[in-house]
Amino acid sequence: MIHLENVTKTYRRADGPVHALSEVSLDVAAGEFVVVRGPSGSGKSTLLTIVGGLGRPTSGRVVVAGEDLGEMTASARSRFRAEQVGFVFQTFHLVPYLTVVENVAVAASPQRKRPARMRASELLESFGLGHRMNHRPAELSTGECQRVAIARAMINSPGLILADEPTGNLDPDNATAVLELLGDFHRQGGTVLLVTHQEFASSYAQRSVTLCGGAIEDRTDSLSV
């Protein structure tokens, strides 16, 4: 599902170059749940944006779902993200003036045959948010907002979910609920790549990778759920 080959990302700044990633090579199989751990500034979020086609590496090769992202045009990468990848962020990125069901439905690909609002409603019901569909984000708890964000990430039935610190703003109970939802997606055959600095998230994964200073420091098999 994911193949990274000697991926390097360097940012040019006035005080000199910053090497966010240094020759990172990583393979994630289809249907695998992998956690990438590391402290702030270790390159975790940069890694995720490159895998998702939101950013391009300075050098190296990135292949996701059989597609070489470096050979795609910007519009092709945009279509690829919409159809193949679901993103979950720490800060939710919900549209404040849309209702919960509208926030999920707005991400639906126009190529899907079933009505977007129907798919969104079904997802929200399954996430225990049926009673919140017509509320706006400001009326929800942080845990509910993150569940809405996960429903939005799943609206197009992607094969891959990329999660960037999805439990970072949550209390332990809500963090567990979010990880259980990602675990359910994985158990149904989906691939999950989750970056975090929290150790307990690794217990939901099949494998844990440690990133430090932009380089992979350790790869560890973890308990599978």
C-alpha atoms as a PDB file:
ATOM      1  CA  MET A   1       0.000   0.000   0.000  1.00  0.00           C
ATOM      2  CA  ILE A   2       2.818   2.437   0.894  1.00  0.00           C
ATOM      3  CA  HIS A   3       6.395   2.323  -0.377  1.00  0.00           C
ATOM      4  CA  LEU A   4       8.863   5.054   0.576  1.00  0.00           C
ATOM      5  CA  GLU A   5      12.340   4.827  -0.893  1.00  0.00           C
ATOM      6  CA  ASN A   6      15.105   7.115   0.419  1.00  0.00           C
ATOM      7  CA  VAL A   7      12.674   9.978   0.978  1.00  0.00           C
ATOM      8  CA  THR A   8      14.293  13.257   1.992  1.00  0.00           C
ATOM      9  CA  LYS A   9      12.556  16.556   2.681  1.00  0.00           C
ATOM     10  CA  THR A  10      14.620  19.714   3.144  1.00  0.00           C
ATOM     11  CA  TYR A  11      13.166  23.151   3.875  1.00  0.00           C
ATOM     12  CA  ARG A  12      15.226  26.165   2.841  1.00  0.00           C
ATOM     13  CA  ARG A  13      15.265  28.914   5.446  1.00  0.00           C
ATOM     14  CA  ALA A  14      17.181  32.136   5.893  1.00  0.00           C
ATOM     15  CA  ASP A  15      19.317  30.640   8.664  1.00  0.00           C
ATOM     16  CA  GLY A  16      20.095  27.497   6.658  1.00  0.00           C
ATOM     17  CA  PRO A  17      18.467  24.277   5.483  1.00  0.00           C
ATOM     18  CA  VAL A  18      16.258  22.198   7.779  1.00  0.00           C
ATOM     19  CA  HIS A  19      16.219  18.471   7.097  1.00  0.00           C
ATOM     20  CA  ALA A  20      12.734  17.311   8.104  1.00  0.00           C
ATOM     21  CA  LEU A  21      13.263  13.814   6.663  1.00  0.00           C
ATOM     22  CA  SER A  22      16.554  12.133   5.826  1.00  0.00           C
ATOM     23  CA  GLU A  23      16.532   9.168   3.436  1.00  0.00           C
ATOM     24  CA  VAL A  24      13.501   7.491   4.998  1.00  0.00           C
ATOM     25  CA  SER A  25      12.570   4.088   3.566  1.00  0.00           C
ATOM     26  CA  LEU A  26       9.367   2.433   4.783  1.00  0.00           C
ATOM     27  CA  ASP A  27       6.891  -0.140   3.513  1.00  0.00           C
ATOM     28  CA  VAL A  28       3.337  -0.529   4.820  1.00  0.00           C
ATOM     29  CA  ALA A  29       1.361  -3.498   3.503  1.00  0.00           C
ATOM     30  CA  ALA A  30      -2.281  -3.248   2.472  1.00  0.00           C
ATOM     31  CA  GLY A  31      -4.480  -3.933   5.490  1.00  0.00           C
ATOM     32  CA  GLU A  32      -1.750  -3.073   8.006  1.00  0.00           C
ATOM     33  CA  PHE A  33      -2.046  -0.706  10.991  1.00  0.00           C
ATOM     34  CA  VAL A  34       1.255   1.090  11.585  1.00  0.00           C
ATOM     35  CA  VAL A  35       2.017   3.746  14.186  1.00  0.00           C
ATOM     36  CA  VAL A  36       4.877   6.198  13.694  1.00  0.00           C
ATOM     37  CA  ARG A  37       6.023   7.590  17.019  1.00  0.00           C
ATOM     38  CA  GLY A  38       8.467  10.317  17.845  1.00  0.00           C
ATOM     39  CA  PRO A  39       8.858  13.636  19.671  1.00  0.00           C
ATOM     40  CA  SER A  40       7.683  16.960  18.299  1.00  0.00           C
ATOM     41  CA  GLY A  41       9.868  18.049  15.399  1.00  0.00           C
ATOM     42  CA  SER A  42      10.922  14.510  14.489  1.00  0.00           C
ATOM     43  CA  GLY A  43       9.353  14.707  11.014  1.00  0.00           C
ATOM     44  CA  LYS A  44       6.173  12.717  11.669  1.00  0.00           C
ATOM     45  CA  SER A  45       3.719  15.204  10.147  1.00  0.00           C
ATOM     46  CA  THR A  46       6.030  15.839   7.187  1.00  0.00           C
ATOM     47  CA  LEU A  47       6.089  12.099   6.542  1.00  0.00           C
ATOM     48  CA  LEU A  48       2.296  11.946   6.574  1.00  0.00           C
ATOM     49  CA  THR A  49       1.824  14.905   4.223  1.00  0.00           C
ATOM     50  CA  ILE A  50       4.228  13.340   1.721  1.00  0.00           C
ATOM     51  CA  VAL A  51       2.488   9.947   1.867  1.00  0.00           C
ATOM     52  CA  GLY A  52      -0.837  11.703   1.329  1.00  0.00           C
ATOM     53  CA  GLY A  53       0.409  13.719  -1.633  1.00  0.00           C
ATOM     54  CA  LEU A  54      -0.112  17.025   0.176  1.00  0.00           C
ATOM     55  CA  GLY A  55       3.599  17.735  -0.067  1.00  0.00           C
ATOM     56  CA  ARG A  56       6.440  16.554  -2.299  1.00  0.00           C
ATOM     57  CA  PRO A  57       9.799  15.211  -1.145  1.00  0.00           C
ATOM     58  CA  THR A  58      13.042  16.931  -2.048  1.00  0.00           C
ATOM     59  CA  SER A  59      14.262  13.550  -3.246  1.00  0.00           C
ATOM     60  CA  GLY A  60      13.217   9.918  -3.097  1.00  0.00           C
ATOM     61  CA  ARG A  61      10.295   7.858  -4.353  1.00  0.00           C
ATOM     62  CA  VAL A  62       6.751   7.662  -2.951  1.00  0.00           C
ATOM     63  CA  VAL A  63       4.360   4.960  -4.149  1.00  0.00           C
ATOM     64  CA  VAL A  64       0.866   4.685  -2.629  1.00  0.00           C
ATOM     65  CA  ALA A  65      -1.721   2.118  -3.721  1.00  0.00           C
ATOM     66  CA  GLY A  66       0.422   1.303  -6.739  1.00  0.00           C
ATOM     67  CA  GLU A  67       0.670   4.931  -7.886  1.00  0.00           C
ATOM     68  CA  ASP A  68       3.969   6.786  -8.069  1.00  0.00           C
ATOM     69  CA  LEU A  69       3.025  10.187  -6.644  1.00  0.00           C
ATOM     70  CA  GLY A  70       6.105  11.828  -8.139  1.00  0.00           C
ATOM     71  CA  GLU A  71       4.886  11.070 -11.653  1.00  0.00           C
ATOM     72  CA  MET A  72       1.422  12.555 -11.108  1.00  0.00           C
ATOM     73  CA  THR A  73       0.274  16.039 -12.039  1.00  0.00           C
ATOM     74  CA  ALA A  74      -1.130  18.208  -9.254  1.00  0.00           C
ATOM     75  CA  SER A  75      -4.708  17.573 -10.435  1.00  0.00           C
ATOM     76  CA  ALA A  76      -4.109  13.811 -10.605  1.00  0.00           C
ATOM     77  CA  ARG A  77      -2.771  13.831  -7.033  1.00  0.00           C
ATOM     78  CA  SER A  78      -5.844  15.768  -5.927  1.00  0.00           C
ATOM     79  CA  ARG A  79      -8.168  13.169  -7.472  1.00  0.00           C
ATOM     80  CA  PHE A  80      -6.077  10.382  -5.980  1.00  0.00           C
ATOM     81  CA  ARG A  81      -6.367  11.869  -2.475  1.00  0.00           C
ATOM     82  CA  ALA A  82     -10.116  12.306  -2.787  1.00  0.00           C
ATOM     83  CA  GLU A  83     -10.709   8.733  -3.914  1.00  0.00           C
ATOM     84  CA  GLN A  84      -8.026   6.706  -2.152  1.00  0.00           C
ATOM     85  CA  VAL A  85      -7.004   8.457   1.066  1.00  0.00           C
ATOM     86  CA  GLY A  86      -8.851   9.640   4.169  1.00  0.00           C
ATOM     87  CA  PHE A  87      -7.170  12.259   6.382  1.00  0.00           C
ATOM     88  CA  VAL A  88      -7.716  12.741  10.120  1.00  0.00           C
ATOM     89  CA  PHE A  89      -6.049  15.707  11.820  1.00  0.00           C
ATOM     90  CA  GLN A  90      -5.540  16.730  15.441  1.00  0.00           C
ATOM     91  CA  THR A  91      -7.468  19.976  14.959  1.00  0.00           C
ATOM     92  CA  PHE A  92     -10.449  18.438  13.090  1.00  0.00           C
ATOM     93  CA  HIS A  93     -10.714  21.108  10.323  1.00  0.00           C
ATOM     94  CA  LEU A  94     -14.515  21.061  10.412  1.00  0.00           C
ATOM     95  CA  VAL A  95     -16.379  23.871   8.627  1.00  0.00           C
ATOM     96  CA  PRO A  96     -18.010  25.899  11.431  1.00  0.00           C
ATOM     97  CA  TYR A  97     -21.091  27.061   9.506  1.00  0.00           C
ATOM     98  CA  LEU A  98     -22.021  23.592   8.204  1.00  0.00           C
ATOM     99  CA  THR A  99     -23.977  21.026  10.169  1.00  0.00           C
ATOM    100  CA  VAL A 100     -22.344  17.769  11.216  1.00  0.00           C
ATOM    101  CA  VAL A 101     -23.923  15.783   8.373  1.00  0.00           C
ATOM    102  CA  GLU A 102     -22.974  18.502   5.868  1.00  0.00           C
ATOM    103  CA  ASN A 103     -19.365  18.447   7.113  1.00  0.00           C
ATOM    104  CA  VAL A 104     -19.176  14.750   6.316  1.00  0.00           C
ATOM    105  CA  ALA A 105     -21.145  14.829   3.053  1.00  0.00           C
ATOM    106  CA  VAL A 106     -19.137  17.733   1.581  1.00  0.00           C
ATOM    107  CA  ALA A 107     -16.091  15.474   1.262  1.00  0.00           C
ATOM    108  CA  ALA A 108     -17.940  12.867  -0.828  1.00  0.00           C
ATOM    109  CA  SER A 109     -16.546  12.123  -4.262  1.00  0.00           C
ATOM    110  CA  PRO A 110     -19.011  13.006  -7.058  1.00  0.00           C
ATOM    111  CA  GLN A 111     -18.153   9.679  -8.698  1.00  0.00           C
ATOM    112  CA  ARG A 112     -19.894   7.737  -5.938  1.00  0.00           C
ATOM    113  CA  LYS A 113     -23.363   6.564  -6.924  1.00  0.00           C
ATOM    114  CA  ARG A 114     -25.124   6.671  -3.560  1.00  0.00           C
ATOM    115  CA  PRO A 115     -26.237  10.113  -2.323  1.00  0.00           C
ATOM    116  CA  ALA A 116     -23.593  11.748  -0.161  1.00  0.00           C
ATOM    117  CA  ARG A 117     -25.992  12.770   2.595  1.00  0.00           C
ATOM    118  CA  MET A 118     -27.290   9.201   2.907  1.00  0.00           C
ATOM    119  CA  ARG A 119     -23.752   7.807   3.253  1.00  0.00           C
ATOM    120  CA  ALA A 120     -22.862  10.524   5.738  1.00  0.00           C
ATOM    121  CA  SER A 121     -25.942   9.811   7.842  1.00  0.00           C
ATOM    122  CA  GLU A 122     -25.191   6.093   7.964  1.00  0.00           C
ATOM    123  CA  LEU A 123     -21.615   6.711   9.076  1.00  0.00           C
ATOM    124  CA  LEU A 124     -22.658   9.153  11.766  1.00  0.00           C
ATOM    125  CA  GLU A 125     -25.291   6.743  13.074  1.00  0.00           C
ATOM    126  CA  SER A 126     -22.697   3.977  13.295  1.00  0.00           C
ATOM    127  CA  PHE A 127     -20.393   6.350  15.229  1.00  0.00           C
ATOM    128  CA  GLY A 128     -23.117   7.142  17.769  1.00  0.00           C
ATOM    129  CA  LEU A 129     -23.709  10.637  16.414  1.00  0.00           C
ATOM    130  CA  GLY A 130     -27.169  10.232  14.922  1.00  0.00           C
ATOM    131  CA  HIS A 131     -28.578  12.729  17.423  1.00  0.00           C
ATOM    132  CA  ARG A 132     -25.968  15.317  16.453  1.00  0.00           C
ATOM    133  CA  MET A 133     -26.407  15.381  12.670  1.00  0.00           C
ATOM    134  CA  ASN A 134     -28.025  18.807  12.497  1.00  0.00           C
ATOM    135  CA  HIS A 135     -25.767  20.421  15.092  1.00  0.00           C
ATOM    136  CA  ARG A 136     -22.794  22.585  14.191  1.00  0.00           C
ATOM    137  CA  PRO A 137     -19.222  21.886  15.334  1.00  0.00           C
ATOM    138  CA  ALA A 138     -19.317  24.534  18.076  1.00  0.00           C
ATOM    139  CA  GLU A 139     -22.120  22.583  19.754  1.00  0.00           C
ATOM    140  CA  LEU A 140     -20.086  19.363  19.945  1.00  0.00           C
ATOM    141  CA  SER A 141     -17.475  18.112  22.398  1.00  0.00           C
ATOM    142  CA  THR A 142     -13.902  17.639  21.187  1.00  0.00           C
ATOM    143  CA  GLY A 143     -14.411  13.877  21.120  1.00  0.00           C
ATOM    144  CA  GLU A 144     -17.541  14.236  19.015  1.00  0.00           C
ATOM    145  CA  CYS A 145     -15.731  16.594  16.625  1.00  0.00           C
ATOM    146  CA  GLN A 146     -13.006  14.028  16.082  1.00  0.00           C
ATOM    147  CA  ARG A 147     -15.556  11.288  15.403  1.00  0.00           C
ATOM    148  CA  VAL A 148     -17.153  13.567  12.796  1.00  0.00           C
ATOM    149  CA  ALA A 149     -13.714  14.084  11.253  1.00  0.00           C
ATOM    150  CA  ILE A 150     -13.185  10.312  11.052  1.00  0.00           C
ATOM    151  CA  ALA A 151     -16.596   9.868   9.430  1.00  0.00           C
ATOM    152  CA  ARG A 152     -15.586  12.506   6.869  1.00  0.00           C
ATOM    153  CA  ALA A 153     -12.327  10.624   6.231  1.00  0.00           C
ATOM    154  CA  MET A 154     -14.311   7.433   5.548  1.00  0.00           C
ATOM    155  CA  ILE A 155     -17.040   8.909   3.340  1.00  0.00           C
ATOM    156  CA  ASN A 156     -15.399   7.724   0.107  1.00  0.00           C
ATOM    157  CA  SER A 157     -14.543   4.245   1.438  1.00  0.00           C
ATOM    158  CA  PRO A 158     -10.786   4.828   1.102  1.00  0.00           C
ATOM    159  CA  GLY A 159      -8.287   2.024   1.331  1.00  0.00           C
ATOM    160  CA  LEU A 160      -5.936   4.159   3.446  1.00  0.00           C
ATOM    161  CA  ILE A 161      -6.420   6.481   6.409  1.00  0.00           C
ATOM    162  CA  LEU A 162      -3.637   8.855   7.436  1.00  0.00           C
ATOM    163  CA  ALA A 163      -4.076  10.127  10.982  1.00  0.00           C
ATOM    164  CA  ASP A 164      -1.965  12.982  12.345  1.00  0.00           C
ATOM    165  CA  GLU A 165      -2.054  13.046  16.168  1.00  0.00           C
ATOM    166  CA  PRO A 166      -5.808  12.219  16.156  1.00  0.00           C
ATOM    167  CA  THR A 167      -5.920  11.817  19.954  1.00  0.00           C
ATOM    168  CA  GLY A 168      -3.705  14.781  20.815  1.00  0.00           C
ATOM    169  CA  ASN A 169      -6.564  17.026  21.983  1.00  0.00           C
ATOM    170  CA  LEU A 170      -8.653  14.304  23.635  1.00  0.00           C
ATOM    171  CA  ASP A 171      -9.087  12.937  27.140  1.00  0.00           C
ATOM    172  CA  PRO A 172      -8.283   9.232  27.679  1.00  0.00           C
ATOM    173  CA  ASP A 173     -11.865   8.005  27.159  1.00  0.00           C
ATOM    174  CA  ASN A 174     -12.343   9.888  23.894  1.00  0.00           C
ATOM    175  CA  ALA A 175      -8.845   8.957  22.742  1.00  0.00           C
ATOM    176  CA  THR A 176      -9.718   5.294  23.246  1.00  0.00           C
ATOM    177  CA  ALA A 177     -12.981   5.728  21.318  1.00  0.00           C
ATOM    178  CA  VAL A 178     -11.127   7.287  18.367  1.00  0.00           C
ATOM    179  CA  LEU A 179      -8.504   4.531  18.309  1.00  0.00           C
ATOM    180  CA  GLU A 180     -11.275   1.921  18.424  1.00  0.00           C
ATOM    181  CA  LEU A 181     -12.872   3.480  15.328  1.00  0.00           C
ATOM    182  CA  LEU A 182      -9.553   3.364  13.500  1.00  0.00           C
ATOM    183  CA  GLY A 183      -9.115  -0.199  14.712  1.00  0.00           C
ATOM    184  CA  ASP A 184     -12.534  -1.116  13.307  1.00  0.00           C
ATOM    185  CA  PHE A 185     -11.541   0.354   9.937  1.00  0.00           C
ATOM    186  CA  HIS A 186      -8.373  -1.751  10.024  1.00  0.00           C
ATOM    187  CA  ARG A 187     -10.229  -4.929  10.979  1.00  0.00           C
ATOM    188  CA  GLN A 188     -12.487  -4.410   7.967  1.00  0.00           C
ATOM    189  CA  GLY A 189      -9.423  -4.504   5.700  1.00  0.00           C
ATOM    190  CA  GLY A 190      -8.345  -0.843   5.665  1.00  0.00           C
ATOM    191  CA  THR A 191      -4.781   0.403   6.012  1.00  0.00           C
ATOM    192  CA  VAL A 192      -3.947   2.900   8.774  1.00  0.00           C
ATOM    193  CA  LEU A 193      -0.807   5.001   9.168  1.00  0.00           C
ATOM    194  CA  LEU A 194      -1.020   6.993  12.396  1.00  0.00           C
ATOM    195  CA  VAL A 195       1.587   9.410  13.709  1.00  0.00           C
ATOM    196  CA  THR A 196       1.683  10.278  17.391  1.00  0.00           C
ATOM    197  CA  HIS A 197       3.934  11.002  20.346  1.00  0.00           C
ATOM    198  CA  GLN A 198       1.646   8.988  22.654  1.00  0.00           C
ATOM    199  CA  GLU A 199       2.917   5.532  23.562  1.00  0.00           C
ATOM    200  CA  PHE A 200      -0.457   3.915  24.272  1.00  0.00           C
ATOM    201  CA  ALA A 201      -1.592   4.298  20.632  1.00  0.00           C
ATOM    202  CA  SER A 202       0.937   1.635  19.642  1.00  0.00           C
ATOM    203  CA  SER A 203      -1.141  -1.046  21.381  1.00  0.00           C
ATOM    204  CA  TYR A 204      -3.742  -0.674  18.599  1.00  0.00           C
ATOM    205  CA  ALA A 205      -1.206  -1.224  15.837  1.00  0.00           C
ATOM    206  CA  GLN A 206       0.472  -4.246  14.339  1.00  0.00           C
ATOM    207  CA  ARG A 207       3.755  -2.405  14.099  1.00  0.00           C
ATOM    208  CA  SER A 208       5.393   0.654  15.594  1.00  0.00           C
ATOM    209  CA  VAL A 209       8.082   2.765  13.922  1.00  0.00           C
ATOM    210  CA  THR A 210      10.126   5.382  15.777  1.00  0.00           C
ATOM    211  CA  LEU A 211      11.158   8.521  13.924  1.00  0.00           C
ATOM    212  CA  CYS A 212      13.854  10.726  15.418  1.00  0.00           C
ATOM    213  CA  GLY A 213      15.544  13.689  13.787  1.00  0.00           C
ATOM    214  CA  GLY A 214      13.923  12.891  10.466  1.00  0.00           C
ATOM    215  CA  ALA A 215      15.253   9.326  10.324  1.00  0.00           C
ATOM    216  CA  ILE A 216      13.773   5.980  11.271  1.00  0.00           C
ATOM    217  CA  GLU A 217      15.421   4.909  14.499  1.00  0.00           C
ATOM    218  CA  ASP A 218      13.560   1.724  15.343  1.00  0.00           C
ATOM    219  CA  ARG A 219      10.931  -0.664  13.954  1.00  0.00           C
ATOM    220  CA  THR A 220       9.003  -2.790  16.440  1.00  0.00           C
ATOM    221  CA  ASP A 221       6.274  -5.368  16.089  1.00  0.00           C
ATOM    222  CA  SER A 222       3.339  -4.459  18.338  1.00  0.00           C
ATOM    223  CA  LEU A 223       0.318  -6.243  19.666  1.00  0.00           C
ATOM    224  CA  SER A 224      -2.415  -6.550  17.048  1.00  0.00           C
ATOM    225  CA  VAL A 225      -6.023  -5.793  17.973  1.00  0.00           C
END
